[in-house]
């Protein structure tokens, strides 16, 4: 079965950050200094925020191009950063504002 857009983005980011994609367990990508949750649907953005918000590491949502604006809006004031599907950081993660 072909990978979904979500899986393609997650695998690509895991390779870029030299870690594994945890498909069935918690946050999609965990590195020593950041956590990344991949969301490809507008309706999943809030769930993605809830997934990463309690992590002490730098927190990111990775979204496909069409959801960048939605993610920026949803994460305003949360300290959660946004990255595009290739890992390009659009909004740097910070602390809660």
Protein backbone atom coordinates (compact mmCIF):
# COMPACT_ATOMS: atom_id res chain seq x y z
CA UNK A 1 0.00 0.00 0.00
CA UNK A 2 1.31 3.45 -0.88
CA UNK A 3 2.29 5.84 1.89
CA UNK A 4 -0.12 8.64 2.76
CA UNK A 5 1.03 12.26 2.42
CA UNK A 6 1.42 12.26 6.21
CA UNK A 7 3.70 9.21 6.12
CA UNK A 8 5.76 10.59 3.23
CA UNK A 9 6.40 13.87 5.09
CA UNK A 10 7.13 12.09 8.38
CA UNK A 11 9.59 9.65 6.77
CA UNK A 12 11.34 12.45 4.93
CA UNK A 13 11.69 14.54 8.11
CA UNK A 14 12.87 11.54 10.13
CA UNK A 15 15.58 10.92 7.54
CA UNK A 16 16.56 14.61 7.53
CA UNK A 17 16.85 14.70 11.34
CA UNK A 18 18.52 11.26 11.48
CA UNK A 19 15.91 9.58 13.63
CA UNK A 20 12.98 7.25 13.18
CA UNK A 21 9.34 7.94 12.43
CA UNK A 22 7.21 6.54 15.24
CA UNK A 23 4.16 5.75 13.14
CA UNK A 24 2.03 4.10 15.81
CA UNK A 25 3.33 5.66 19.01
CA UNK A 26 2.85 9.19 20.35
CA UNK A 27 4.67 12.08 18.69
CA UNK A 28 5.73 11.30 15.12
CA UNK A 29 9.38 12.40 15.34
CA UNK A 30 11.50 12.84 18.46
CA UNK A 31 15.10 14.06 18.36
CA UNK A 32 17.35 14.90 21.31
CA UNK A 33 16.33 18.57 21.14
CA UNK A 34 12.92 18.73 19.42
CA UNK A 35 9.60 17.00 18.86
CA UNK A 36 7.75 17.15 15.55
CA UNK A 37 4.13 16.21 14.93
CA UNK A 38 3.10 15.95 11.28
CA UNK A 39 -0.37 17.18 10.32
CA UNK A 40 -1.74 17.18 6.77
CA UNK A 41 -5.37 18.05 7.44
CA UNK A 42 -6.75 21.28 8.90
CA UNK A 43 -8.90 19.26 11.30
CA UNK A 44 -5.82 17.55 12.77
CA UNK A 45 -3.90 20.70 13.66
CA UNK A 46 -5.49 21.09 17.11
CA UNK A 47 -4.80 17.44 17.91
CA UNK A 48 -1.19 17.96 16.81
CA UNK A 49 -0.86 20.94 19.14
CA UNK A 50 -2.19 18.88 22.05
CA UNK A 51 0.27 16.11 21.17
CA UNK A 52 3.39 18.33 21.48
CA UNK A 53 2.36 21.11 23.89
CA UNK A 54 3.58 19.42 27.08
CA UNK A 55 7.02 18.47 25.75
CA UNK A 56 10.01 20.22 27.38
CA UNK A 57 11.86 20.12 24.04
CA UNK A 58 11.42 22.56 21.14
CA UNK A 59 7.95 21.79 19.78
CA UNK A 60 7.03 21.82 16.10
CA UNK A 61 4.12 21.04 13.85
CA UNK A 62 5.15 20.02 10.36
CA UNK A 63 2.40 20.75 7.86
CA UNK A 64 1.86 20.51 4.13
CA UNK A 65 1.91 23.76 2.13
CA UNK A 66 -1.88 24.25 2.10
CA UNK A 67 -2.04 24.19 5.92
CA UNK A 68 0.77 26.60 6.76
CA UNK A 69 -1.56 29.56 7.34
CA UNK A 70 -3.99 27.41 9.37
CA UNK A 71 -1.13 26.15 11.56
CA UNK A 72 0.31 29.64 12.07
CA UNK A 73 -3.10 30.86 13.21
CA UNK A 74 -3.74 27.87 15.50
CA UNK A 75 -0.34 28.04 17.21
CA UNK A 76 -0.25 31.79 17.84
CA UNK A 77 0.88 32.45 21.41
CA UNK A 78 1.63 28.77 22.15
CA UNK A 79 5.39 28.72 21.57
CA UNK A 80 4.91 25.88 19.09
CA UNK A 81 6.90 26.31 15.90
CA UNK A 82 5.83 25.50 12.35
CA UNK A 83 7.84 23.79 9.66
CA UNK A 84 6.95 23.02 6.09
CA UNK A 85 6.88 19.51 4.59
CA UNK A 86 10.63 19.61 3.83
CA UNK A 87 11.64 20.68 7.34
CA UNK A 88 12.10 24.36 6.49
CA UNK A 89 11.28 26.32 9.64
CA UNK A 90 8.54 28.86 9.02
CA UNK A 91 8.06 29.89 12.65
CA UNK A 92 10.72 29.12 15.22
CA UNK A 93 9.63 27.31 18.37
CA UNK A 94 9.79 29.33 21.56
CA UNK A 95 8.30 29.24 25.00
CA UNK A 96 4.64 29.94 25.72
CA UNK A 97 3.89 33.60 25.30
